[in-house]
Amino acid sequence: MPLNTQTPPVLTTAGAPPAGVPAPGRPLLLQPAPSPVRASAIRLAALIRHNATLLLREPGPLLSRLIMPLVLITLMRPLYLQALAKYGHQAGTTQVVTGMLVMFSLLALSIVGTTILSERSWHTWDRLRATSATSTELFVGKVIPAFGVLLAQQGVVLTFGALAFGLDVTTPGLLAVAVACWGLAVLGIGAALGAIVRSQSELAVCYDIGGVALTALAGGLVPLTELPGWARAIAPASPGYWALSALRSAIDDHPATMLRACGVLLAIAVGAGALACWRIGRGWARSRLL
């Protein structure tokens, strides 16, 4: 006796088709696909939300980069006031606030670089690259939460300097532009490091040694005029040099100098960001360190 291989129709108790199945003779309505711009915005929102959650779940590095500059500013300001008294009553405060801001911004490369390097360590980048998100979307989704961290860090340091020690900012709008440009430069450098280095230890060497060395070379710890001649000659090679120039020019209301320094910082941000995007899109060779 042959078996009946036909699947019997699924009906409800009232004889109507079940939920989700269109009634006979009624066309099935399909949702239109979102536009490319909307689809990109949806992917970006998901990536930003995911990466912001990862940052907030590990607040230790963020808190250290926020608290330590405030402690050092408080302890070292009397020394700078005495050493730089001949340059004016605000010279010492400006030196210590902007110097610590630049140094701890460079040390915050650890936060930016880790956001990318951690995905590589977990071997989840291949999964992300297999989705419909482009390399640019992956890059932007990673760096926007980190950019918010950098802006918060610089805002806290400058606000502390103004409220606690009377840092006089003539034009806050210029200072906001300088802060944004420096934040973008740090963001690009950190993303490039996270895309290039092979391990957390290599990243630590870059931001520990590089952060302090570039700040000192830029005149953040000791005034540039007091550095040796060879150091003054190569100081413009440090991104911190242009950050200090932009920040101090904004505080002293020298827009022309500030805009020139901001132009250099933006060029650094674009170059480093392009390198990070290229490396992300290209993928990474298998490494025993990861």
C-alpha atoms as a PDB file:
ATOM      1  CA  MET A   1       0.000   0.000   0.000  1.00  0.00           C
ATOM      2  CA  PRO A   2       1.655   3.259  -1.093  1.00  0.00           C
ATOM      3  CA  LEU A   3       2.388   5.884   1.572  1.00  0.00           C
ATOM      4  CA  ASN A   4       0.729   9.256   1.397  1.00  0.00           C
ATOM      5  CA  THR A   5       3.662  11.689   1.080  1.00  0.00           C
ATOM      6  CA  GLN A   6       1.530  14.809   0.704  1.00  0.00           C
ATOM      7  CA  THR A   7       1.682  17.173   3.683  1.00  0.00           C
ATOM      8  CA  PRO A   8      -1.823  17.855   4.967  1.00  0.00           C
ATOM      9  CA  PRO A   9      -2.812  21.539   5.125  1.00  0.00           C
ATOM     10  CA  VAL A  10      -2.359  23.211   8.477  1.00  0.00           C
ATOM     11  CA  LEU A  11      -5.655  24.738   9.592  1.00  0.00           C
ATOM     12  CA  THR A  12      -6.844  26.379  12.732  1.00  0.00           C
ATOM     13  CA  THR A  13      -9.887  25.185  14.599  1.00  0.00           C
ATOM     14  CA  ALA A  14     -11.995  27.660  12.629  1.00  0.00           C
ATOM     15  CA  GLY A  15     -10.635  26.448   9.306  1.00  0.00           C
ATOM     16  CA  ALA A  16      -8.607  29.627   8.719  1.00  0.00           C
ATOM     17  CA  PRO A  17      -4.875  29.527   7.914  1.00  0.00           C
ATOM     18  CA  PRO A  18      -2.516  29.928  10.904  1.00  0.00           C
ATOM     19  CA  ALA A  19      -0.886  33.197  11.838  1.00  0.00           C
ATOM     20  CA  GLY A  20       1.794  34.323   9.419  1.00  0.00           C
ATOM     21  CA  VAL A  21       0.255  32.478   6.439  1.00  0.00           C
ATOM     22  CA  PRO A  22      -1.692  34.665   3.995  1.00  0.00           C
ATOM     23  CA  ALA A  23      -5.283  33.751   3.263  1.00  0.00           C
ATOM     24  CA  PRO A  24      -5.986  32.130  -0.112  1.00  0.00           C
ATOM     25  CA  GLY A  25      -6.250  34.715  -2.840  1.00  0.00           C
ATOM     26  CA  ARG A  26      -4.631  37.464  -0.716  1.00  0.00           C
ATOM     27  CA  PRO A  27      -1.157  38.581  -1.886  1.00  0.00           C
ATOM     28  CA  LEU A  28       1.777  38.317   0.491  1.00  0.00           C
ATOM     29  CA  LEU A  29       2.989  41.807   1.449  1.00  0.00           C
ATOM     30  CA  LEU A  30       6.779  42.146   1.550  1.00  0.00           C
ATOM     31  CA  GLN A  31       8.547  44.899   3.439  1.00  0.00           C
ATOM     32  CA  PRO A  32      10.646  47.069   1.092  1.00  0.00           C
ATOM     33  CA  ALA A  33      14.393  46.855   1.612  1.00  0.00           C
ATOM     34  CA  PRO A  34      15.850  49.888   3.406  1.00  0.00           C
ATOM     35  CA  SER A  35      17.798  52.392   1.353  1.00  0.00           C
ATOM     36  CA  PRO A  36      21.597  52.032   1.355  1.00  0.00           C
ATOM     37  CA  VAL A  37      21.956  55.092   3.577  1.00  0.00           C
ATOM     38  CA  ARG A  38      19.441  53.797   6.109  1.00  0.00           C
ATOM     39  CA  ALA A  39      20.974  50.317   6.054  1.00  0.00           C
ATOM     40  CA  SER A  40      24.409  51.827   6.719  1.00  0.00           C
ATOM     41  CA  ALA A  41      22.995  53.913   9.583  1.00  0.00           C
ATOM     42  CA  ILE A  42      21.413  50.810  11.140  1.00  0.00           C
ATOM     43  CA  ARG A  43      24.700  48.908  10.968  1.00  0.00           C
ATOM     44  CA  LEU A  44      26.640  51.858  12.408  1.00  0.00           C
ATOM     45  CA  ALA A  45      24.197  52.279  15.293  1.00  0.00           C
ATOM     46  CA  ALA A  46      24.552  48.598  16.198  1.00  0.00           C
ATOM     47  CA  LEU A  47      28.352  48.760  16.046  1.00  0.00           C
ATOM     48  CA  ILE A  48      28.533  51.946  18.124  1.00  0.00           C
ATOM     49  CA  ARG A  49      26.187  50.550  20.760  1.00  0.00           C
ATOM     50  CA  HIS A  50      28.166  47.306  20.945  1.00  0.00           C
ATOM     51  CA  ASN A  51      31.556  49.025  21.276  1.00  0.00           C
ATOM     52  CA  ALA A  52      30.300  51.561  23.813  1.00  0.00           C
ATOM     53  CA  THR A  53      29.065  48.663  25.941  1.00  0.00           C
ATOM     54  CA  LEU A  54      32.476  46.989  25.767  1.00  0.00           C
ATOM     55  CA  LEU A  55      34.192  50.211  26.902  1.00  0.00           C
ATOM     56  CA  LEU A  56      31.829  50.758  29.818  1.00  0.00           C
ATOM     57  CA  ARG A  57      32.194  47.184  31.043  1.00  0.00           C
ATOM     58  CA  GLU A  58      35.929  47.770  31.628  1.00  0.00           C
ATOM     59  CA  PRO A  59      36.091  51.306  33.134  1.00  0.00           C
ATOM     60  CA  GLY A  60      39.492  50.887  34.817  1.00  0.00           C
ATOM     61  CA  PRO A  61      41.700  52.325  32.029  1.00  0.00           C
ATOM     62  CA  LEU A  62      39.241  55.160  31.461  1.00  0.00           C
ATOM     63  CA  LEU A  63      39.171  56.144  35.137  1.00  0.00           C
ATOM     64  CA  SER A  64      42.959  56.072  35.414  1.00  0.00           C
ATOM     65  CA  ARG A  65      43.323  58.382  32.391  1.00  0.00           C
ATOM     66  CA  LEU A  66      40.788  60.758  33.935  1.00  0.00           C
ATOM     67  CA  ILE A  67      42.042  60.845  37.535  1.00  0.00           C
ATOM     68  CA  MET A  68      45.831  60.720  37.193  1.00  0.00           C
ATOM     69  CA  PRO A  69      46.231  64.008  35.272  1.00  0.00           C
ATOM     70  CA  LEU A  70      44.169  65.802  37.910  1.00  0.00           C
ATOM     71  CA  VAL A  71      46.421  64.457  40.668  1.00  0.00           C
ATOM     72  CA  LEU A  72      49.626  65.441  38.861  1.00  0.00           C
ATOM     73  CA  ILE A  73      48.310  68.904  37.985  1.00  0.00           C
ATOM     74  CA  THR A  74      47.495  69.536  41.638  1.00  0.00           C
ATOM     75  CA  LEU A  75      50.881  68.359  42.903  1.00  0.00           C
ATOM     76  CA  MET A  76      53.111  69.880  40.208  1.00  0.00           C
ATOM     77  CA  ARG A  77      51.445  73.242  39.644  1.00  0.00           C
ATOM     78  CA  PRO A  78      53.362  75.050  42.450  1.00  0.00           C
ATOM     79  CA  LEU A  79      56.650  73.928  40.869  1.00  0.00           C
ATOM     80  CA  TYR A  80      55.632  75.225  37.450  1.00  0.00           C
ATOM     81  CA  LEU A  81      54.351  78.502  38.885  1.00  0.00           C
ATOM     82  CA  GLN A  82      57.697  79.177  40.514  1.00  0.00           C
ATOM     83  CA  ALA A  83      59.782  78.089  37.536  1.00  0.00           C
ATOM     84  CA  LEU A  84      57.790  80.068  34.960  1.00  0.00           C
ATOM     85  CA  ALA A  85      56.950  83.165  36.992  1.00  0.00           C
ATOM     86  CA  LYS A  86      58.998  85.340  34.622  1.00  0.00           C
ATOM     87  CA  TYR A  87      56.618  84.485  31.768  1.00  0.00           C
ATOM     88  CA  GLY A  88      53.491  85.729  33.565  1.00  0.00           C
ATOM     89  CA  HIS A  89      51.093  84.673  36.276  1.00  0.00           C
ATOM     90  CA  GLN A  90      49.250  82.145  34.067  1.00  0.00           C
ATOM     91  CA  ALA A  91      52.261  80.592  32.339  1.00  0.00           C
ATOM     92  CA  GLY A  92      52.754  77.908  34.979  1.00  0.00           C
ATOM     93  CA  THR A  93      49.090  76.909  35.050  1.00  0.00           C
ATOM     94  CA  THR A  94      48.881  76.754  31.251  1.00  0.00           C
ATOM     95  CA  GLN A  95      52.070  74.683  31.069  1.00  0.00           C
ATOM     96  CA  VAL A  96      51.024  72.073  33.608  1.00  0.00           C
ATOM     97  CA  VAL A  97      47.400  71.755  32.447  1.00  0.00           C
ATOM     98  CA  THR A  98      48.130  71.470  28.723  1.00  0.00           C
ATOM     99  CA  GLY A  99      51.218  69.312  29.275  1.00  0.00           C
ATOM    100  CA  MET A 100      49.363  66.771  31.395  1.00  0.00           C
ATOM    101  CA  LEU A 101      46.421  66.828  29.005  1.00  0.00           C
ATOM    102  CA  VAL A 102      48.638  65.964  26.046  1.00  0.00           C
ATOM    103  CA  MET A 103      50.599  63.275  27.900  1.00  0.00           C
ATOM    104  CA  PHE A 104      47.534  61.464  29.199  1.00  0.00           C
ATOM    105  CA  SER A 105      45.798  61.815  25.839  1.00  0.00           C
ATOM    106  CA  LEU A 106      48.735  59.957  24.307  1.00  0.00           C
ATOM    107  CA  LEU A 107      48.610  57.387  27.098  1.00  0.00           C
ATOM    108  CA  ALA A 108      44.915  56.981  26.231  1.00  0.00           C
ATOM    109  CA  LEU A 109      46.097  55.398  22.990  1.00  0.00           C
ATOM    110  CA  SER A 110      45.772  52.238  25.070  1.00  0.00           C
ATOM    111  CA  ILE A 111      41.986  52.675  25.129  1.00  0.00           C
ATOM    112  CA  VAL A 112      41.678  53.388  21.418  1.00  0.00           C
ATOM    113  CA  GLY A 113      44.097  50.675  20.310  1.00  0.00           C
ATOM    114  CA  THR A 114      42.604  48.034  22.587  1.00  0.00           C
ATOM    115  CA  THR A 115      39.138  48.480  21.068  1.00  0.00           C
ATOM    116  CA  ILE A 116      40.513  47.126  17.790  1.00  0.00           C
ATOM    117  CA  LEU A 117      43.215  44.800  19.085  1.00  0.00           C
ATOM    118  CA  SER A 118      40.787  42.998  21.384  1.00  0.00           C
ATOM    119  CA  GLU A 119      38.646  41.956  18.402  1.00  0.00           C
ATOM    120  CA  ARG A 120      41.751  40.581  16.752  1.00  0.00           C
ATOM    121  CA  SER A 121      42.755  38.746  19.924  1.00  0.00           C
ATOM    122  CA  TRP A 122      39.286  37.213  20.181  1.00  0.00           C
ATOM    123  CA  HIS A 123      39.429  36.264  16.463  1.00  0.00           C
ATOM    124  CA  THR A 124      36.090  37.988  15.889  1.00  0.00           C
ATOM    125  CA  TRP A 125      37.288  40.389  13.191  1.00  0.00           C
ATOM    126  CA  ASP A 126      36.746  37.743  10.528  1.00  0.00           C
ATOM    127  CA  ARG A 127      33.126  37.440  11.631  1.00  0.00           C
ATOM    128  CA  LEU A 128      32.658  41.195  11.474  1.00  0.00           C
ATOM    129  CA  ARG A 129      34.270  41.399   8.043  1.00  0.00           C
ATOM    130  CA  ALA A 130      31.980  38.597   6.832  1.00  0.00           C
ATOM    131  CA  THR A 131      28.918  40.756   7.525  1.00  0.00           C
ATOM    132  CA  SER A 132      27.529  43.374   5.179  1.00  0.00           C
ATOM    133  CA  ALA A 133      29.360  46.141   7.093  1.00  0.00           C
ATOM    134  CA  THR A 134      32.149  47.800   5.125  1.00  0.00           C
ATOM    135  CA  SER A 135      35.636  48.352   6.529  1.00  0.00           C
ATOM    136  CA  THR A 136      34.844  52.051   6.925  1.00  0.00           C
ATOM    137  CA  GLU A 137      31.710  51.244   8.932  1.00  0.00           C
ATOM    138  CA  LEU A 138      33.680  48.855  11.130  1.00  0.00           C
ATOM    139  CA  PHE A 139      36.297  51.547  11.696  1.00  0.00           C
ATOM    140  CA  VAL A 140      33.783  54.306  12.463  1.00  0.00           C
ATOM    141  CA  GLY A 141      31.760  52.047  14.745  1.00  0.00           C
ATOM    142  CA  LYS A 142      34.901  51.304  16.724  1.00  0.00           C
ATOM    143  CA  VAL A 143      36.303  54.816  17.028  1.00  0.00           C
ATOM    144  CA  ILE A 144      33.215  56.910  17.795  1.00  0.00           C
ATOM    145  CA  PRO A 145      32.862  55.608  21.394  1.00  0.00           C
ATOM    146  CA  ALA A 146      36.620  56.039  21.871  1.00  0.00           C
ATOM    147  CA  PHE A 147      36.373  59.587  20.517  1.00  0.00           C
ATOM    148  CA  GLY A 148      33.733  60.322  23.127  1.00  0.00           C
ATOM    149  CA  VAL A 149      36.139  59.049  25.806  1.00  0.00           C
ATOM    150  CA  LEU A 150      38.929  61.329  24.535  1.00  0.00           C
ATOM    151  CA  LEU A 151      36.660  64.378  24.480  1.00  0.00           C
ATOM    152  CA  ALA A 152      35.445  63.609  28.001  1.00  0.00           C
ATOM    153  CA  GLN A 153      39.021  63.237  29.242  1.00  0.00           C
ATOM    154  CA  GLN A 154      40.161  66.569  27.785  1.00  0.00           C
ATOM    155  CA  GLY A 155      37.001  68.323  28.930  1.00  0.00           C
ATOM    156  CA  VAL A 156      37.492  67.103  32.515  1.00  0.00           C
ATOM    157  CA  VAL A 157      41.160  68.212  32.607  1.00  0.00           C
ATOM    158  CA  LEU A 158      40.479  71.674  31.175  1.00  0.00           C
ATOM    159  CA  THR A 159      37.426  72.229  33.362  1.00  0.00           C
ATOM    160  CA  PHE A 160      39.427  71.199  36.416  1.00  0.00           C
ATOM    161  CA  GLY A 161      42.194  73.633  35.467  1.00  0.00           C
ATOM    162  CA  ALA A 162      39.714  76.485  34.992  1.00  0.00           C
ATOM    163  CA  LEU A 163      37.650  75.888  38.140  1.00  0.00           C
ATOM    164  CA  ALA A 164      40.361  74.804  40.556  1.00  0.00           C
ATOM    165  CA  PHE A 165      43.312  76.913  39.431  1.00  0.00           C
ATOM    166  CA  GLY A 166      41.838  79.775  37.429  1.00  0.00           C
ATOM    167  CA  LEU A 167      42.981  78.798  33.957  1.00  0.00           C
ATOM    168  CA  ASP A 168      41.830  81.774  31.907  1.00  0.00           C
ATOM    169  CA  VAL A 169      40.361  80.802  28.534  1.00  0.00           C
ATOM    170  CA  THR A 170      39.736  83.888  26.425  1.00  0.00           C
ATOM    171  CA  THR A 171      37.785  82.213  23.619  1.00  0.00           C
ATOM    172  CA  PRO A 172      36.182  78.852  24.573  1.00  0.00           C
ATOM    173  CA  GLY A 173      35.133  78.228  20.966  1.00  0.00           C
ATOM    174  CA  LEU A 174      38.745  78.178  19.769  1.00  0.00           C
ATOM    175  CA  LEU A 175      39.676  75.827  22.575  1.00  0.00           C
ATOM    176  CA  ALA A 176      36.816  73.472  21.635  1.00  0.00           C
ATOM    177  CA  VAL A 177      38.114  73.325  18.044  1.00  0.00           C
ATOM    178  CA  ALA A 178      41.647  72.599  19.248  1.00  0.00           C
ATOM    179  CA  VAL A 179      40.385  69.855  21.576  1.00  0.00           C
ATOM    180  CA  ALA A 180      38.375  68.222  18.770  1.00  0.00           C
ATOM    181  CA  CYS A 181      41.315  68.270  16.337  1.00  0.00           C
ATOM    182  CA  TRP A 182      43.685  66.794  18.911  1.00  0.00           C
ATOM    183  CA  GLY A 183      41.114  64.149  19.787  1.00  0.00           C
ATOM    184  CA  LEU A 184      40.812  63.155  16.128  1.00  0.00           C
ATOM    185  CA  ALA A 185      44.585  62.911  15.785  1.00  0.00           C
ATOM    186  CA  VAL A 186      44.873  60.670  18.858  1.00  0.00           C
ATOM    187  CA  LEU A 187      41.954  58.620  17.560  1.00  0.00           C
ATOM    188  CA  GLY A 188      43.607  58.016  14.198  1.00  0.00           C
ATOM    189  CA  ILE A 189      46.972  57.135  15.727  1.00  0.00           C
ATOM    190  CA  GLY A 190      45.402  54.765  18.237  1.00  0.00           C
ATOM    191  CA  ALA A 191      43.323  53.023  15.594  1.00  0.00           C
ATOM    192  CA  ALA A 192      46.369  52.594  13.355  1.00  0.00           C
ATOM    193  CA  LEU A 193      48.351  51.113  16.239  1.00  0.00           C
ATOM    194  CA  GLY A 194      45.520  48.744  17.094  1.00  0.00           C
ATOM    195  CA  ALA A 195      45.404  47.579  13.485  1.00  0.00           C
ATOM    196  CA  ILE A 196      49.171  47.114  13.090  1.00  0.00           C
ATOM    197  CA  VAL A 197      50.641  45.763  16.330  1.00  0.00           C
ATOM    198  CA  ARG A 198      50.554  42.037  16.999  1.00  0.00           C
ATOM    199  CA  SER A 199      49.924  41.844  20.738  1.00  0.00           C
ATOM    200  CA  GLN A 200      48.888  43.791  23.827  1.00  0.00           C
ATOM    201  CA  SER A 201      52.521  43.993  24.941  1.00  0.00           C
ATOM    202  CA  GLU A 202      53.541  45.684  21.699  1.00  0.00           C
ATOM    203  CA  LEU A 203      50.687  48.140  22.110  1.00  0.00           C
ATOM    204  CA  ALA A 204      51.774  48.846  25.702  1.00  0.00           C
ATOM    205  CA  VAL A 205      55.312  49.635  24.542  1.00  0.00           C
ATOM    206  CA  CYS A 206      53.954  52.087  21.968  1.00  0.00           C
ATOM    207  CA  TYR A 207      51.720  54.076  24.292  1.00  0.00           C
ATOM    208  CA  ASP A 208      53.925  53.921  27.405  1.00  0.00           C
ATOM    209  CA  ILE A 209      57.231  54.913  25.838  1.00  0.00           C
ATOM    210  CA  GLY A 210      55.717  56.874  22.974  1.00  0.00           C
ATOM    211  CA  GLY A 211      53.309  58.836  25.165  1.00  0.00           C
ATOM    212  CA  VAL A 212      55.940  60.101  27.581  1.00  0.00           C
ATOM    213  CA  ALA A 213      58.687  60.585  24.969  1.00  0.00           C
ATOM    214  CA  LEU A 214      56.485  62.495  22.515  1.00  0.00           C
ATOM    215  CA  THR A 215      55.120  64.702  25.285  1.00  0.00           C
ATOM    216  CA  ALA A 216      58.590  65.530  26.602  1.00  0.00           C
ATOM    217  CA  LEU A 217      59.911  66.168  23.107  1.00  0.00           C
ATOM    218  CA  ALA A 218      56.976  68.476  22.376  1.00  0.00           C
ATOM    219  CA  GLY A 219      57.657  70.653  25.423  1.00  0.00           C
ATOM    220  CA  GLY A 220      54.820  69.328  27.528  1.00  0.00           C
ATOM    221  CA  LEU A 221      56.892  68.470  30.603  1.00  0.00           C
ATOM    222  CA  VAL A 222      59.620  71.090  30.226  1.00  0.00           C
ATOM    223  CA  PRO A 223      59.089  74.354  28.297  1.00  0.00           C
ATOM    224  CA  LEU A 224      60.333  74.072  24.746  1.00  0.00           C
ATOM    225  CA  THR A 225      62.716  76.998  25.248  1.00  0.00           C
ATOM    226  CA  GLU A 226      64.529  75.049  27.974  1.00  0.00           C
ATOM    227  CA  LEU A 227      65.100  71.922  25.886  1.00  0.00           C
ATOM    228  CA  PRO A 228      68.442  71.215  24.162  1.00  0.00           C
ATOM    229  CA  GLY A 229      68.887  72.551  20.666  1.00  0.00           C
ATOM    230  CA  TRP A 230      68.659  69.139  19.021  1.00  0.00           C
ATOM    231  CA  ALA A 231      65.369  68.468  20.812  1.00  0.00           C
ATOM    232  CA  ARG A 232      63.881  71.795  19.710  1.00  0.00           C
ATOM    233  CA  ALA A 233      64.904  71.002  16.130  1.00  0.00           C
ATOM    234  CA  ILE A 234      62.998  67.705  15.995  1.00  0.00           C
ATOM    235  CA  ALA A 235      60.095  68.744  18.244  1.00  0.00           C
ATOM    236  CA  PRO A 236      57.699  69.353  15.286  1.00  0.00           C
ATOM    237  CA  ALA A 237      57.939  65.642  14.480  1.00  0.00           C
ATOM    238  CA  SER A 238      55.887  64.950  17.613  1.00  0.00           C
ATOM    239  CA  PRO A 239      52.083  65.180  17.311  1.00  0.00           C
ATOM    240  CA  GLY A 240      52.142  66.540  20.854  1.00  0.00           C
ATOM    241  CA  TYR A 241      54.039  69.598  19.619  1.00  0.00           C
ATOM    242  CA  TRP A 242      51.121  70.584  17.394  1.00  0.00           C
ATOM    243  CA  ALA A 243      48.603  69.718  20.088  1.00  0.00           C
ATOM    244  CA  LEU A 244      50.333  72.017  22.581  1.00  0.00           C
ATOM    245  CA  SER A 245      50.591  74.736  19.955  1.00  0.00           C
ATOM    246  CA  ALA A 246      46.865  74.471  19.186  1.00  0.00           C
ATOM    247  CA  LEU A 247      45.772  74.346  22.825  1.00  0.00           C
ATOM    248  CA  ARG A 248      47.985  77.179  24.056  1.00  0.00           C
ATOM    249  CA  SER A 249      47.181  79.373  21.057  1.00  0.00           C
ATOM    250  CA  ALA A 250      43.479  78.824  21.710  1.00  0.00           C
ATOM    251  CA  ILE A 251      43.881  79.707  25.397  1.00  0.00           C
ATOM    252  CA  ASP A 252      45.847  82.867  24.530  1.00  0.00           C
ATOM    253  CA  ASP A 253      43.433  83.785  21.682  1.00  0.00           C
ATOM    254  CA  HIS A 254      45.829  83.455  18.736  1.00  0.00           C
ATOM    255  CA  PRO A 255      43.508  81.990  16.073  1.00  0.00           C
ATOM    256  CA  ALA A 256      45.982  82.019  13.173  1.00  0.00           C
ATOM    257  CA  THR A 257      48.549  79.908  15.018  1.00  0.00           C
ATOM    258  CA  MET A 258      45.810  77.656  16.378  1.00  0.00           C
ATOM    259  CA  LEU A 259      44.328  76.991  12.929  1.00  0.00           C
ATOM    260  CA  ARG A 260      47.712  76.142  11.450  1.00  0.00           C
ATOM    261  CA  ALA A 261      48.377  73.632  14.229  1.00  0.00           C
ATOM    262  CA  CYS A 262      44.859  72.196  13.835  1.00  0.00           C
ATOM    263  CA  GLY A 263      45.512  71.695  10.130  1.00  0.00           C
ATOM    264  CA  VAL A 264      48.542  69.553  10.927  1.00  0.00           C
ATOM    265  CA  LEU A 265      46.564  67.567  13.511  1.00  0.00           C
ATOM    266  CA  LEU A 266      43.778  66.906  11.008  1.00  0.00           C
ATOM    267  CA  ALA A 267      46.311  65.752   8.427  1.00  0.00           C
ATOM    268  CA  ILE A 268      47.713  63.306  11.001  1.00  0.00           C
ATOM    269  CA  ALA A 269      44.185  62.095  11.790  1.00  0.00           C
ATOM    270  CA  VAL A 270      43.325  61.519   8.123  1.00  0.00           C
ATOM    271  CA  GLY A 271      46.587  59.748   7.325  1.00  0.00           C
ATOM    272  CA  ALA A 272      46.487  57.465  10.362  1.00  0.00           C
ATOM    273  CA  GLY A 273      42.766  56.773   9.913  1.00  0.00           C
ATOM    274  CA  ALA A 274      43.272  55.839   6.257  1.00  0.00           C
ATOM    275  CA  LEU A 275      46.037  53.431   7.276  1.00  0.00           C
ATOM    276  CA  ALA A 276      43.757  51.837   9.878  1.00  0.00           C
ATOM    277  CA  CYS A 277      40.880  51.460   7.386  1.00  0.00           C
ATOM    278  CA  TRP A 278      43.189  49.895   4.813  1.00  0.00           C
ATOM    279  CA  ARG A 279      44.579  47.454   7.350  1.00  0.00           C
ATOM    280  CA  ILE A 280      41.112  46.542   8.611  1.00  0.00           C
ATOM    281  CA  GLY A 281      39.827  45.934   5.087  1.00  0.00           C
ATOM    282  CA  ARG A 282      42.878  43.897   4.139  1.00  0.00           C
ATOM    283  CA  GLY A 283      42.652  41.561   7.109  1.00  0.00           C
ATOM    284  CA  TRP A 284      45.510  40.103   9.119  1.00  0.00           C
ATOM    285  CA  ALA A 285      47.747  37.167   8.660  1.00  0.00           C
ATOM    286  CA  ARG A 286      47.515  34.498  11.318  1.00  0.00           C
ATOM    287  CA  SER A 287      49.851  35.240  14.199  1.00  0.00           C
ATOM    288  CA  ARG A 288      50.818  33.059  17.138  1.00  0.00           C
ATOM    289  CA  LEU A 289      50.755  36.187  19.299  1.00  0.00           C
ATOM    290  CA  LEU A 290      47.021  36.570  18.675  1.00  0.00           C
END
